[in-house]
């Protein structure tokens, strides 16, 4: 079929127009997709106007990032801006699941708090020997992430007990997987790793955090752990 068909106005033929203030008529048209021999209309509506495919603009999808949450990472990074807030001021609270500003100080340095929003803490006190005892347990599909751990010995102890703590499904490790070890914690002394703001150890899937320790004769020992669990 040849392009460019002539139109001859006749009785009953109506061409859609908009009559202007000076009685001129502006013809109303629909936009097609530009493909040869196609009659597909470019979509749009009266509320939002013409639909525009912004996915073809590099780095932008509907005024957002170019990759969805949990999508495979690709493309170039986007630059972001932070909202400045004075030291000593509290940001305005938002509801859970709402979008929030990311804040920085007035020099543009971001405010960052390390750790995890659901950090848990646990204390174990023992007066007898411990052999592969599970301090924290998880099921298949979950890992333990330790952010801080410390062992302290009672001043009443008459010996210096050895302590070994690490990730395992059954037997406390002696090399790989150890998060804290001391050959002899002196009475009134202790040892620690981490401050809770960073990760010091991650167990494998379904690995518990276990302890093996000798008897703290005459007193006891404390173990304090901060941690969170996460899907494998």
Protein backbone atom coordinates (compact mmCIF):
# COMPACT_ATOMS: atom_id res chain seq x y z
CA UNK A 1 0.00 0.00 0.00
CA UNK A 2 1.36 3.40 -0.93
CA UNK A 3 2.04 6.03 1.72
CA UNK A 4 0.52 9.53 1.81
CA UNK A 5 -3.21 9.09 1.06
CA UNK A 6 -5.10 12.19 -0.07
CA UNK A 7 -8.26 13.15 1.86
CA UNK A 8 -11.18 14.77 0.06
CA UNK A 9 -13.74 16.22 2.41
CA UNK A 10 -17.29 15.14 1.75
CA UNK A 11 -20.69 14.90 3.39
CA UNK A 12 -20.43 13.08 6.70
CA UNK A 13 -16.64 13.38 6.93
CA UNK A 14 -15.53 14.98 10.22
CA UNK A 15 -11.94 15.76 11.04
CA UNK A 16 -11.33 16.38 14.76
CA UNK A 17 -10.18 19.93 15.46
CA UNK A 18 -9.99 22.46 18.25
CA UNK A 19 -11.61 25.78 17.37
CA UNK A 20 -9.39 28.60 18.56
CA UNK A 21 -10.37 32.07 19.80
CA UNK A 22 -9.90 33.57 16.33
CA UNK A 23 -12.13 30.89 14.77
CA UNK A 24 -9.12 29.10 13.34
CA UNK A 25 -9.11 25.32 13.67
CA UNK A 26 -6.16 23.30 14.95
CA UNK A 27 -6.34 19.66 13.86
CA UNK A 28 -6.16 17.07 16.64
CA UNK A 29 -3.74 14.23 15.96
CA UNK A 30 -2.56 11.00 17.59
CA UNK A 31 1.09 10.03 17.70
CA UNK A 32 2.13 6.67 16.27
CA UNK A 33 5.20 4.70 17.26
CA UNK A 34 7.25 5.50 14.14
CA UNK A 35 7.71 1.89 13.02
CA UNK A 36 7.16 1.46 9.28
CA UNK A 37 3.60 0.34 8.42
CA UNK A 38 2.61 0.34 12.13
CA UNK A 39 -0.59 1.87 13.46
CA UNK A 40 0.39 1.46 17.13
CA UNK A 41 -0.36 4.60 19.15
CA UNK A 42 2.20 6.05 21.55
CA UNK A 43 0.42 5.71 24.92
CA UNK A 44 -0.59 8.54 27.21
CA UNK A 45 -3.58 9.91 29.11
CA UNK A 46 -5.18 13.19 30.12
CA UNK A 47 -3.84 12.94 33.68
CA UNK A 48 -0.18 12.23 33.08
CA UNK A 49 0.28 13.24 29.44
CA UNK A 50 2.48 11.36 27.02
CA UNK A 51 4.22 8.27 28.38
CA UNK A 52 8.00 8.59 28.08
CA UNK A 53 10.37 5.61 28.33
CA UNK A 54 12.96 6.94 30.77
CA UNK A 55 14.68 3.55 30.93
CA UNK A 56 16.58 4.67 27.84
CA UNK A 57 18.16 7.50 29.83
CA UNK A 58 21.35 6.05 31.27
CA UNK A 59 21.32 5.67 35.07
CA UNK A 60 17.66 6.66 35.54
CA UNK A 61 14.42 4.70 35.86
CA UNK A 62 11.35 6.75 36.81
CA UNK A 63 13.58 9.26 38.63
CA UNK A 64 15.20 6.47 40.59
CA UNK A 65 18.18 4.14 40.24
CA UNK A 66 18.71 2.03 37.14
CA UNK A 67 18.61 -1.29 39.03
CA UNK A 68 15.82 -2.43 41.35
CA UNK A 69 16.42 -3.60 44.93
CA UNK A 70 17.65 -7.22 44.83
CA UNK A 71 18.34 -6.93 41.08
CA UNK A 72 21.70 -7.89 39.56
CA UNK A 73 24.11 -4.97 39.82
CA UNK A 74 24.91 -3.26 36.51
CA UNK A 75 25.49 0.15 34.94
CA UNK A 76 27.30 3.17 36.30
CA UNK A 77 26.91 4.51 39.86
CA UNK A 78 24.68 7.46 40.66
CA UNK A 79 25.86 10.39 42.78
CA UNK A 80 23.68 11.22 45.75
CA UNK A 81 23.23 14.22 47.99
CA UNK A 82 22.86 14.25 51.77
CA UNK A 83 20.84 16.57 54.00
CA UNK A 84 22.95 18.65 56.38
CA UNK A 85 21.99 18.78 60.06
CA UNK A 86 23.74 20.59 62.89
CA UNK A 87 25.59 18.68 65.58
CA UNK A 88 23.35 18.39 68.65
CA UNK A 89 20.13 18.37 66.61
CA UNK A 90 17.83 15.36 66.21
CA UNK A 91 16.56 14.38 62.74
CA UNK A 92 12.78 14.26 62.36
CA UNK A 93 11.47 10.78 63.05
CA UNK A 94 9.83 8.82 60.23
CA UNK A 95 7.60 5.76 60.37
CA UNK A 96 8.99 2.28 59.72
CA UNK A 97 9.03 1.46 55.99
CA UNK A 98 8.92 5.19 55.08
CA UNK A 99 11.66 6.84 53.03
CA UNK A 100 14.18 8.86 55.01
CA UNK A 101 16.84 11.47 54.33
CA UNK A 102 20.46 10.47 54.73
CA UNK A 103 22.09 13.04 56.99
CA UNK A 104 25.51 14.66 57.13
CA UNK A 105 27.05 17.44 59.17
CA UNK A 106 27.41 20.98 57.83
CA UNK A 107 30.76 20.07 56.28
CA UNK A 108 29.15 17.27 54.26
CA UNK A 109 30.57 14.42 56.34
CA UNK A 110 27.96 11.62 56.61
CA UNK A 111 26.58 10.52 59.96
CA UNK A 112 27.05 6.75 60.05
CA UNK A 113 26.29 4.32 62.86
CA UNK A 114 27.94 0.93 62.52
CA UNK A 115 26.30 -2.35 63.35
CA UNK A 116 22.91 -3.88 62.64
CA UNK A 117 19.42 -2.59 63.54
CA UNK A 118 18.66 -5.83 65.38
CA UNK A 119 21.89 -6.47 67.31
CA UNK A 120 21.38 -8.96 70.13
CA UNK A 121 23.44 -9.47 73.28
CA UNK A 122 24.00 -12.56 75.42
CA UNK A 123 25.82 -13.34 78.66
CA UNK A 124 27.04 -16.76 79.70
CA UNK A 125 28.43 -17.38 83.17
CA UNK A 126 30.11 -20.69 83.87
CA UNK A 127 31.66 -22.27 86.96
CA UNK A 128 32.48 -25.66 85.46
CA UNK A 129 34.43 -26.85 82.45
CA UNK A 130 32.78 -26.26 79.07
CA UNK A 131 33.17 -28.75 76.22
CA UNK A 132 31.81 -27.74 72.80
CA UNK A 133 28.87 -25.98 74.46
CA UNK A 134 26.63 -23.97 72.10
CA UNK A 135 26.37 -20.36 73.27
CA UNK A 136 24.20 -19.27 70.32
CA UNK A 137 22.36 -21.68 68.03
CA UNK A 138 20.89 -21.26 64.55
CA UNK A 139 19.06 -23.48 62.08
CA UNK A 140 19.86 -24.32 58.48
CA UNK A 141 19.58 -21.28 56.22
CA UNK A 142 20.93 -18.88 58.87
CA UNK A 143 24.36 -17.58 59.89
CA UNK A 144 25.60 -15.95 63.10
CA UNK A 145 27.51 -12.67 62.76
CA UNK A 146 29.52 -11.67 65.85
CA UNK A 147 30.28 -7.98 66.37
CA UNK A 148 31.81 -8.05 69.86
CA UNK A 149 32.89 -10.70 72.37
CA UNK A 150 34.62 -10.62 75.72
CA UNK A 151 35.59 -13.03 78.49
CA UNK A 152 36.27 -11.94 82.06
CA UNK A 153 37.44 -14.03 85.00
CA UNK A 154 36.36 -13.69 88.62
CA UNK A 155 38.95 -12.38 91.05
CA UNK A 156 38.06 -15.35 93.23
CA UNK A 157 39.46 -17.82 90.71
CA UNK A 158 42.49 -19.75 91.94
CA UNK A 159 43.47 -20.82 88.42
CA UNK A 160 43.74 -19.21 85.01
CA UNK A 161 41.24 -21.09 82.79
CA UNK A 162 41.78 -21.47 79.06
CA UNK A 163 38.95 -20.30 76.79
CA UNK A 164 38.28 -21.08 73.13
CA UNK A 165 35.19 -19.77 71.28
CA UNK A 166 34.30 -20.24 67.63
CA UNK A 167 31.80 -21.34 64.98
CA UNK A 168 31.01 -25.04 64.56
CA UNK A 169 28.14 -27.47 64.19
CA UNK A 170 29.53 -29.83 66.84
CA UNK A 171 33.14 -29.27 67.96
CA UNK A 172 34.67 -25.93 68.94
CA UNK A 173 37.32 -25.06 66.31
CA UNK A 174 40.96 -24.53 67.17
CA UNK A 175 42.03 -22.61 64.06
CA UNK A 176 39.61 -21.48 61.31
CA UNK A 177 36.37 -20.14 62.76
CA UNK A 178 37.80 -19.07 66.14
CA UNK A 179 36.53 -15.63 67.29
CA UNK A 180 38.21 -15.48 70.72
CA UNK A 181 40.91 -17.51 72.45
CA UNK A 182 43.03 -17.18 75.59
CA UNK A 183 45.39 -19.85 76.98
CA UNK A 184 44.87 -18.74 80.58
CA UNK A 185 42.64 -15.85 81.68
CA UNK A 186 44.13 -14.60 84.99
CA UNK A 187 41.90 -14.00 88.02
CA UNK A 188 40.33 -10.55 87.74
CA UNK A 189 41.45 -10.30 84.11
CA UNK A 190 39.85 -10.76 80.74
CA UNK A 191 40.13 -10.40 76.98
CA UNK A 192 37.89 -9.00 74.26
CA UNK A 193 37.53 -8.38 70.52
CA UNK A 194 35.43 -5.79 68.69
CA UNK A 195 33.29 -2.92 69.95
CA UNK A 196 29.94 -3.87 68.40
CA UNK A 197 30.20 -1.52 65.42
CA UNK A 198 31.87 -3.95 63.04
CA UNK A 199 31.99 -7.62 62.15
CA UNK A 200 34.67 -9.80 63.77
CA UNK A 201 33.40 -13.19 62.63
CA UNK A 202 30.75 -14.85 60.46
CA UNK A 203 29.77 -18.47 60.90
CA UNK A 204 28.86 -20.78 58.06
CA UNK A 205 25.30 -21.89 57.41
CA UNK A 206 23.83 -23.69 60.46
CA UNK A 207 27.02 -23.25 62.53
CA UNK A 208 26.51 -22.46 66.22
CA UNK A 209 28.83 -20.34 68.35
CA UNK A 210 30.51 -22.79 70.73
CA UNK A 211 32.83 -22.61 73.72
CA UNK A 212 35.39 -24.97 75.20
CA UNK A 213 36.99 -23.85 78.48
CA UNK A 214 38.74 -25.33 81.49
CA UNK A 215 37.38 -25.13 85.04
CA UNK A 216 37.54 -21.66 86.67
CA UNK A 217 38.26 -23.21 90.07
CA UNK A 218 37.11 -21.12 93.04
CA UNK A 219 35.03 -18.70 90.99
CA UNK A 220 33.56 -18.28 87.51
CA UNK A 221 33.97 -16.75 84.09
CA UNK A 222 31.65 -14.48 82.11
CA UNK A 223 31.22 -14.46 78.34
CA UNK A 224 29.38 -11.50 76.76
CA UNK A 225 28.59 -11.54 73.03
CA UNK A 226 26.88 -9.04 70.73
CA UNK A 227 25.69 -10.49 67.45
CA UNK A 228 22.98 -10.70 64.83
CA UNK A 229 21.70 -13.50 62.62
CA UNK A 230 21.28 -13.31 58.88
CA UNK A 231 20.03 -15.49 56.05
CA UNK A 232 22.69 -17.61 54.38
